[in-house]
């Protein structure tokens, strides 16, 4: 959902973006209770600071919208270092510009917002695009039966 949020907002602004989600090969985790993947999104077009701020906060906001949680000062805690750099946002002390960007993004990504459906579609595309990576990882971990891997 996180990377899908970045992509949807970039597309909304007319900026192409590449996104990827995957599983680190050397990561040891319990996939039932921990995040099982990492991701990154790179805007590929010209973007001004205001657009980058919107794209940068969009991943965290998308997660909060998906969970039906309010967008508040905790948005920074869901942002990666790359997200914070893109948004020019201090995750521990989000400034007014960062929070205004988060509120703007939340209005379009929230359920029944203008881009909620786009968010769901983009998340599905990312998940399906990464399916082979996840299946290979789970197969190596012995989580999938041999005939499913």
N, C-alpha and C. Protein backbone atom coordinates (compact mmCIF):
# COMPACT_ATOMS: atom_id res chain seq x y z
N UNK A 1 0.83 -1.19 0.00
CA UNK A 1 0.00 0.00 0.00
C UNK A 1 0.88 1.26 0.00
N UNK A 2 1.99 1.19 0.72
CA UNK A 2 2.88 2.34 0.86
C UNK A 2 3.40 2.81 -0.50
N UNK A 3 4.01 1.90 -1.24
CA UNK A 3 4.58 2.29 -2.54
C UNK A 3 3.49 2.69 -3.52
N UNK A 4 2.33 2.03 -3.44
CA UNK A 4 1.21 2.40 -4.30
C UNK A 4 0.80 3.86 -4.07
N UNK A 5 0.84 4.29 -2.82
CA UNK A 5 0.51 5.68 -2.52
C UNK A 5 1.43 6.66 -3.23
N UNK A 6 2.73 6.37 -3.20
CA UNK A 6 3.69 7.23 -3.91
C UNK A 6 3.35 7.30 -5.40
N UNK A 7 3.10 6.13 -5.99
CA UNK A 7 2.85 6.04 -7.43
C UNK A 7 1.57 6.77 -7.82
N UNK A 8 0.52 6.58 -7.06
CA UNK A 8 -0.76 7.20 -7.39
C UNK A 8 -0.64 8.72 -7.35
N UNK A 9 0.01 9.26 -6.35
CA UNK A 9 0.13 10.71 -6.25
C UNK A 9 1.05 11.24 -7.36
N UNK A 10 2.11 10.53 -7.66
CA UNK A 10 2.98 10.95 -8.78
C UNK A 10 2.18 10.99 -10.07
N UNK A 11 1.43 9.94 -10.35
CA UNK A 11 0.61 9.91 -11.57
C UNK A 11 -0.43 11.03 -11.57
N UNK A 12 -1.04 11.27 -10.41
CA UNK A 12 -2.02 12.34 -10.30
C UNK A 12 -1.41 13.69 -10.69
N UNK A 13 -0.13 13.86 -10.36
CA UNK A 13 0.57 15.10 -10.67
C UNK A 13 1.17 15.10 -12.07
N UNK A 14 0.98 13.99 -12.80
CA UNK A 14 1.51 13.90 -14.16
C UNK A 14 2.99 13.56 -14.21
N UNK A 15 3.51 12.95 -13.15
CA UNK A 15 4.93 12.61 -13.06
C UNK A 15 5.06 11.08 -13.10
N UNK A 16 5.72 10.54 -14.12
CA UNK A 16 5.92 9.08 -14.14
C UNK A 16 6.76 8.65 -12.94
N UNK A 17 6.50 7.44 -12.45
CA UNK A 17 7.25 6.92 -11.30
C UNK A 17 7.44 5.42 -11.46
N UNK A 18 8.59 4.95 -11.01
CA UNK A 18 8.87 3.52 -10.96
C UNK A 18 8.78 3.08 -9.51
N UNK A 19 8.17 1.93 -9.28
CA UNK A 19 8.06 1.41 -7.92
C UNK A 19 8.38 -0.08 -7.93
N UNK A 20 8.88 -0.55 -6.80
CA UNK A 20 9.24 -1.95 -6.66
C UNK A 20 9.00 -2.37 -5.21
N UNK A 21 8.49 -3.57 -5.03
CA UNK A 21 8.46 -4.17 -3.70
C UNK A 21 9.10 -5.54 -3.81
N UNK A 22 9.81 -5.94 -2.77
CA UNK A 22 10.49 -7.22 -2.79
C UNK A 22 10.84 -7.68 -1.40
N UNK A 23 11.50 -8.82 -1.34
CA UNK A 23 11.91 -9.42 -0.08
C UNK A 23 13.43 -9.50 -0.07
N UNK A 24 14.09 -8.92 0.93
CA UNK A 24 15.54 -9.05 1.00
C UNK A 24 15.93 -10.53 1.18
N UNK A 25 16.87 -10.98 0.38
CA UNK A 25 17.27 -12.39 0.41
C UNK A 25 17.84 -12.81 1.76
N UNK A 26 18.50 -11.90 2.46
CA UNK A 26 19.16 -12.28 3.71
C UNK A 26 18.33 -11.92 4.95
N UNK A 27 17.11 -11.52 4.75
CA UNK A 27 16.30 -11.07 5.88
C UNK A 27 15.64 -12.26 6.56
N UNK A 28 15.76 -12.34 7.87
CA UNK A 28 15.14 -13.39 8.64
C UNK A 28 14.00 -12.75 9.43
N UNK A 29 12.78 -13.18 9.18
CA UNK A 29 11.65 -12.58 9.85
C UNK A 29 10.51 -13.58 9.93
N UNK A 30 9.55 -13.27 10.77
CA UNK A 30 8.33 -14.05 10.86
C UNK A 30 7.30 -13.35 9.99
N UNK A 31 7.04 -13.90 8.81
CA UNK A 31 6.18 -13.23 7.85
C UNK A 31 4.75 -13.07 8.36
N UNK A 32 4.37 -13.81 9.40
CA UNK A 32 3.02 -13.69 9.94
C UNK A 32 2.84 -12.48 10.84
N UNK A 33 3.94 -11.94 11.39
CA UNK A 33 3.79 -10.84 12.34
C UNK A 33 4.65 -9.63 12.02
N UNK A 34 5.52 -9.71 11.02
CA UNK A 34 6.40 -8.59 10.69
C UNK A 34 6.23 -8.20 9.24
N UNK A 35 6.65 -6.98 8.92
CA UNK A 35 6.64 -6.58 7.52
C UNK A 35 7.56 -7.52 6.75
N UNK A 36 7.05 -7.98 5.67
CA UNK A 36 7.80 -8.98 4.91
C UNK A 36 8.48 -8.42 3.68
N UNK A 37 8.32 -7.14 3.44
CA UNK A 37 8.89 -6.61 2.21
C UNK A 37 9.42 -5.21 2.44
N UNK A 38 10.14 -4.79 1.46
CA UNK A 38 10.63 -3.42 1.41
C UNK A 38 10.27 -2.89 0.04
N UNK A 39 10.36 -1.62 -0.13
CA UNK A 39 10.03 -1.06 -1.43
C UNK A 39 10.71 0.26 -1.65
N UNK A 40 10.64 0.70 -2.87
CA UNK A 40 11.13 2.02 -3.20
C UNK A 40 10.36 2.54 -4.38
N UNK A 41 10.25 3.84 -4.46
CA UNK A 41 9.59 4.51 -5.57
C UNK A 41 10.46 5.68 -5.98
N UNK A 42 10.62 5.82 -7.28
CA UNK A 42 11.44 6.91 -7.82
C UNK A 42 10.62 7.69 -8.83
N UNK A 43 10.36 8.99 -8.57
CA UNK A 43 9.72 9.82 -9.58
C UNK A 43 10.68 10.00 -10.76
N UNK A 44 10.18 9.84 -11.97
CA UNK A 44 11.05 9.86 -13.15
C UNK A 44 10.94 11.15 -13.97
N UNK A 45 10.16 12.08 -13.55
CA UNK A 45 9.99 13.31 -14.32
C UNK A 45 10.40 14.52 -13.52
N UNK A 46 10.26 15.66 -14.14
CA UNK A 46 10.56 16.91 -13.46
C UNK A 46 9.47 17.18 -12.42
N UNK A 47 9.91 17.50 -11.23
CA UNK A 47 8.96 17.80 -10.16
C UNK A 47 9.52 18.93 -9.31
N UNK A 48 8.64 19.83 -8.93
CA UNK A 48 9.07 20.92 -8.05
C UNK A 48 9.01 20.44 -6.60
N UNK A 49 9.47 21.26 -5.69
CA UNK A 49 9.52 20.88 -4.28
C UNK A 49 8.14 20.53 -3.71
N UNK A 50 7.13 21.27 -4.12
CA UNK A 50 5.77 21.01 -3.60
C UNK A 50 5.28 19.65 -4.08
N UNK A 51 5.52 19.31 -5.35
CA UNK A 51 5.12 18.00 -5.87
C UNK A 51 5.88 16.89 -5.17
N UNK A 52 7.18 17.06 -4.98
CA UNK A 52 7.99 16.04 -4.31
C UNK A 52 7.53 15.84 -2.86
N UNK A 53 7.11 16.91 -2.22
CA UNK A 53 6.62 16.79 -0.84
C UNK A 53 5.35 15.92 -0.83
N UNK A 54 4.45 16.16 -1.78
CA UNK A 54 3.23 15.35 -1.86
C UNK A 54 3.55 13.88 -2.13
N UNK A 55 4.46 13.64 -3.07
CA UNK A 55 4.84 12.26 -3.40
C UNK A 55 5.54 11.61 -2.20
N UNK A 56 6.40 12.37 -1.54
CA UNK A 56 7.16 11.83 -0.40
C UNK A 56 6.30 11.39 0.77
N UNK A 57 5.25 12.14 1.08
CA UNK A 57 4.39 11.77 2.21
C UNK A 57 3.33 10.74 1.82
N UNK A 58 3.13 10.54 0.53
CA UNK A 58 2.01 9.72 0.05
C UNK A 58 2.06 8.27 0.51
N UNK A 59 3.24 7.69 0.65
CA UNK A 59 3.33 6.30 1.10
C UNK A 59 2.79 6.12 2.51
N UNK A 60 3.25 6.97 3.41
CA UNK A 60 2.79 6.90 4.80
C UNK A 60 1.29 7.20 4.89
N UNK A 61 0.85 8.19 4.15
CA UNK A 61 -0.57 8.56 4.17
C UNK A 61 -1.42 7.41 3.62
N UNK A 62 -0.94 6.75 2.57
CA UNK A 62 -1.68 5.62 2.00
C UNK A 62 -1.85 4.51 3.04
N UNK A 63 -0.80 4.24 3.81
CA UNK A 63 -0.91 3.22 4.87
C UNK A 63 -1.98 3.62 5.88
N UNK A 64 -1.96 4.88 6.31
CA UNK A 64 -2.94 5.35 7.29
C UNK A 64 -4.35 5.30 6.72
N UNK A 65 -4.50 5.68 5.46
CA UNK A 65 -5.83 5.62 4.83
C UNK A 65 -6.32 4.18 4.74
N UNK A 66 -5.43 3.26 4.37
CA UNK A 66 -5.79 1.85 4.28
C UNK A 66 -6.28 1.34 5.64
N UNK A 67 -5.62 1.76 6.71
CA UNK A 67 -5.98 1.33 8.06
C UNK A 67 -7.13 2.14 8.66
N UNK A 68 -7.59 3.14 7.90
CA UNK A 68 -8.65 4.06 8.38
C UNK A 68 -8.21 4.78 9.64
N UNK A 69 -6.93 5.12 9.69
CA UNK A 69 -6.36 5.86 10.81
C UNK A 69 -6.26 7.34 10.43
N UNK A 70 -6.30 8.23 11.42
CA UNK A 70 -6.17 9.66 11.11
C UNK A 70 -4.74 10.00 10.68
N UNK A 71 -4.64 10.97 9.81
CA UNK A 71 -3.33 11.48 9.40
C UNK A 71 -2.96 12.56 10.40
N UNK A 72 -1.93 12.29 11.19
CA UNK A 72 -1.53 13.23 12.23
C UNK A 72 -0.01 13.27 12.29
N UNK A 73 0.52 13.73 13.41
CA UNK A 73 1.97 13.90 13.51
C UNK A 73 2.73 12.58 13.40
N UNK A 74 2.05 11.45 13.51
CA UNK A 74 2.72 10.15 13.42
C UNK A 74 3.03 9.76 11.98
N UNK A 75 2.59 10.55 11.02
CA UNK A 75 2.86 10.25 9.62
C UNK A 75 4.36 10.10 9.37
N UNK A 76 5.18 10.89 10.05
CA UNK A 76 6.63 10.84 9.87
C UNK A 76 7.24 9.53 10.30
N UNK A 77 6.63 8.86 11.25
CA UNK A 77 7.16 7.58 11.74
C UNK A 77 6.99 6.45 10.73
N UNK A 78 6.13 6.64 9.75
CA UNK A 78 5.91 5.64 8.71
C UNK A 78 6.72 5.92 7.45
N UNK A 79 7.52 6.99 7.48
CA UNK A 79 8.29 7.39 6.31
C UNK A 79 9.72 6.87 6.39
N UNK A 80 10.22 6.38 5.27
CA UNK A 80 11.62 5.96 5.19
C UNK A 80 12.51 7.19 5.11
N UNK A 81 13.81 6.98 5.20
CA UNK A 81 14.74 8.10 5.03
C UNK A 81 14.58 8.73 3.66
N UNK A 82 14.39 7.89 2.64
CA UNK A 82 14.19 8.41 1.28
C UNK A 82 12.91 9.21 1.16
N UNK A 83 11.84 8.74 1.80
CA UNK A 83 10.58 9.48 1.80
C UNK A 83 10.77 10.85 2.44
N UNK A 84 11.46 10.87 3.58
CA UNK A 84 11.68 12.12 4.30
C UNK A 84 12.52 13.10 3.48
N UNK A 85 13.53 12.57 2.80
CA UNK A 85 14.37 13.43 1.97
C UNK A 85 13.56 14.01 0.81
N UNK A 86 12.74 13.16 0.18
CA UNK A 86 11.93 13.64 -0.94
C UNK A 86 10.94 14.70 -0.47
N UNK A 87 10.33 14.47 0.69
CA UNK A 87 9.32 15.39 1.21
C UNK A 87 9.92 16.57 1.96
N UNK A 88 11.24 16.53 2.19
CA UNK A 88 11.91 17.56 2.99
C UNK A 88 11.21 17.68 4.35
N UNK A 89 11.04 16.52 4.98
CA UNK A 89 10.27 16.43 6.21
C UNK A 89 11.10 15.74 7.29
N UNK A 90 11.16 16.33 8.47
CA UNK A 90 11.80 15.71 9.61
C UNK A 90 10.78 14.77 10.24
N UNK A 91 11.04 13.44 10.25
CA UNK A 91 10.03 12.51 10.73
C UNK A 91 9.68 12.68 12.22
N UNK A 92 10.60 13.20 12.99
CA UNK A 92 10.34 13.39 14.42
C UNK A 92 9.55 14.66 14.71
N UNK A 93 9.71 15.65 13.84
CA UNK A 93 9.04 16.94 14.02
C UNK A 93 8.52 17.44 12.68
N UNK A 94 7.45 16.81 12.14
CA UNK A 94 6.93 17.26 10.85
C UNK A 94 6.48 18.72 10.93
N UNK A 95 6.93 19.52 9.97
CA UNK A 95 6.56 20.93 9.96
C UNK A 95 5.20 21.12 9.30
N UNK A 96 4.75 22.36 9.27
CA UNK A 96 3.43 22.67 8.71
C UNK A 96 3.33 22.28 7.24
N UNK A 97 4.41 22.51 6.47
CA UNK A 97 4.38 22.15 5.05
C UNK A 97 4.21 20.65 4.86
N UNK A 98 4.90 19.88 5.67
CA UNK A 98 4.79 18.41 5.60
C UNK A 98 3.38 17.96 5.98
N UNK A 99 2.84 18.51 7.04
CA UNK A 99 1.50 18.12 7.48
C UNK A 99 0.43 18.60 6.51
N UNK A 100 0.61 19.78 5.91
CA UNK A 100 -0.33 20.25 4.89
C UNK A 100 -0.33 19.31 3.69
N UNK A 101 0.88 18.85 3.29
CA UNK A 101 0.98 17.90 2.18
C UNK A 101 0.28 16.59 2.55
N UNK A 102 0.48 16.12 3.77
CA UNK A 102 -0.17 14.89 4.22
C UNK A 102 -1.69 15.03 4.20
N UNK A 103 -2.20 16.17 4.64
CA UNK A 103 -3.65 16.40 4.63
C UNK A 103 -4.19 16.43 3.20
N UNK A 104 -3.45 17.07 2.30
CA UNK A 104 -3.85 17.14 0.89
C UNK A 104 -3.93 15.75 0.29
N UNK A 105 -2.89 14.95 0.53
CA UNK A 105 -2.85 13.59 0.00
C UNK A 105 -3.97 12.74 0.62
N UNK A 106 -4.20 12.89 1.91
CA UNK A 106 -5.24 12.10 2.59
C UNK A 106 -6.61 12.36 1.99
N UNK A 107 -6.88 13.58 1.57
CA UNK A 107 -8.20 13.89 1.00
C UNK A 107 -8.47 13.09 -0.27
N UNK A 108 -7.44 12.79 -1.06
CA UNK A 108 -7.67 12.05 -2.31
C UNK A 108 -7.46 10.54 -2.16
N UNK A 109 -6.69 10.11 -1.14
CA UNK A 109 -6.43 8.68 -0.97
C UNK A 109 -7.35 7.99 0.03
N UNK A 110 -8.10 8.75 0.80
CA UNK A 110 -8.97 8.12 1.79
C UNK A 110 -10.09 7.34 1.09
N UNK A 111 -10.66 6.35 1.79
CA UNK A 111 -11.79 5.63 1.19
C UNK A 111 -12.85 6.63 0.73
N UNK A 112 -13.35 6.42 -0.44
CA UNK A 112 -14.31 7.32 -1.10
C UNK A 112 -13.67 8.60 -1.60
N UNK A 113 -12.34 8.75 -1.46
CA UNK A 113 -11.64 9.89 -2.05
C UNK A 113 -11.51 9.69 -3.55
N UNK A 114 -11.12 10.73 -4.24
CA UNK A 114 -11.07 10.69 -5.71
C UNK A 114 -10.07 9.66 -6.25
N UNK A 115 -9.05 9.28 -5.47
CA UNK A 115 -8.04 8.35 -5.97
C UNK A 115 -7.94 7.07 -5.14
N UNK A 116 -8.96 6.78 -4.31
CA UNK A 116 -8.97 5.55 -3.52
C UNK A 116 -8.91 4.32 -4.42
N UNK A 117 -9.74 4.29 -5.45
CA UNK A 117 -9.75 3.14 -6.36
C UNK A 117 -8.39 3.00 -7.05
N UNK A 118 -7.79 4.11 -7.46
CA UNK A 118 -6.46 4.07 -8.08
C UNK A 118 -5.43 3.46 -7.12
N UNK A 119 -5.55 3.79 -5.84
CA UNK A 119 -4.64 3.25 -4.84
C UNK A 119 -4.76 1.73 -4.75
N UNK A 120 -5.99 1.24 -4.73
CA UNK A 120 -6.21 -0.20 -4.66
C UNK A 120 -5.68 -0.91 -5.90
N UNK A 121 -5.92 -0.33 -7.06
CA UNK A 121 -5.46 -0.92 -8.32
C UNK A 121 -3.93 -0.95 -8.36
N UNK A 122 -3.31 0.14 -7.98
CA UNK A 122 -1.83 0.21 -8.02
C UNK A 122 -1.22 -0.76 -7.01
N UNK A 123 -1.80 -0.89 -5.83
CA UNK A 123 -1.30 -1.84 -4.84
C UNK A 123 -1.38 -3.26 -5.38
N UNK A 124 -2.49 -3.58 -6.02
CA UNK A 124 -2.64 -4.92 -6.61
C UNK A 124 -1.59 -5.17 -7.69
N UNK A 125 -1.35 -4.18 -8.53
CA UNK A 125 -0.33 -4.32 -9.57
C UNK A 125 1.04 -4.61 -8.96
N UNK A 126 1.38 -3.88 -7.92
CA UNK A 126 2.68 -4.08 -7.27
C UNK A 126 2.77 -5.47 -6.63
N UNK A 127 1.71 -5.89 -6.00
CA UNK A 127 1.70 -7.22 -5.36
C UNK A 127 1.83 -8.31 -6.42
N UNK A 128 1.04 -8.22 -7.47
CA UNK A 128 1.11 -9.24 -8.53
C UNK A 128 2.47 -9.22 -9.22
N UNK A 129 3.04 -8.04 -9.41
CA UNK A 129 4.34 -7.94 -10.04
C UNK A 129 5.45 -8.53 -9.19
N UNK A 130 5.25 -8.59 -7.91
CA UNK A 130 6.26 -9.13 -6.99
C UNK A 130 5.97 -10.56 -6.57
N UNK A 131 4.92 -11.15 -7.08
CA UNK A 131 4.49 -12.47 -6.63
C UNK A 131 5.58 -13.53 -6.77
N UNK A 132 6.31 -13.53 -7.88
CA UNK A 132 7.37 -14.52 -8.05
C UNK A 132 8.44 -14.38 -6.98
N UNK A 133 8.79 -13.14 -6.63
CA UNK A 133 9.81 -12.90 -5.61
C UNK A 133 9.34 -13.47 -4.26
N UNK A 134 8.10 -13.19 -3.88
CA UNK A 134 7.57 -13.68 -2.61
C UNK A 134 7.48 -15.20 -2.60
N UNK A 135 7.00 -15.79 -3.69
CA UNK A 135 6.86 -17.25 -3.74
C UNK A 135 8.22 -17.91 -3.66
N UNK A 136 9.21 -17.35 -4.32
CA UNK A 136 10.56 -17.93 -4.27
C UNK A 136 11.10 -17.85 -2.84
N UNK A 137 10.89 -16.73 -2.17
CA UNK A 137 11.38 -16.58 -0.80
C UNK A 137 10.68 -17.58 0.12
N UNK A 138 9.36 -17.64 0.04
CA UNK A 138 8.61 -18.55 0.91
C UNK A 138 8.98 -20.00 0.63
N UNK A 139 9.23 -20.34 -0.62
CA UNK A 139 9.66 -21.68 -0.97
C UNK A 139 11.00 -22.02 -0.36
N UNK A 140 11.94 -21.07 -0.37
CA UNK A 140 13.26 -21.29 0.24
C UNK A 140 13.14 -21.47 1.75
N UNK A 141 12.16 -20.83 2.34
CA UNK A 141 11.96 -20.93 3.79
C UNK A 141 11.20 -22.18 4.18
N UNK A 142 10.75 -22.96 3.19
CA UNK A 142 9.98 -24.17 3.48
C UNK A 142 8.56 -23.88 3.89
N UNK A 143 8.08 -22.67 3.61
CA UNK A 143 6.74 -22.29 4.01
C UNK A 143 5.72 -22.82 3.01
N UNK A 144 6.07 -22.86 1.74
CA UNK A 144 5.20 -23.40 0.73
C UNK A 144 5.50 -24.88 0.54
N UNK A 145 4.47 -25.65 0.24
CA UNK A 145 4.71 -27.05 -0.11
C UNK A 145 5.45 -27.09 -1.43
N UNK A 146 6.17 -28.13 -1.66
CA UNK A 146 7.01 -28.25 -2.86
C UNK A 146 6.21 -28.04 -4.14
N UNK A 147 4.99 -28.53 -4.22
CA UNK A 147 4.22 -28.38 -5.45
C UNK A 147 3.64 -26.99 -5.63
N UNK A 148 3.71 -26.11 -4.62
CA UNK A 148 3.22 -24.73 -4.75
C UNK A 148 4.35 -23.78 -5.12
N UNK A 149 5.59 -24.14 -4.87
CA UNK A 149 6.71 -23.22 -5.08
C UNK A 149 7.02 -23.01 -6.54
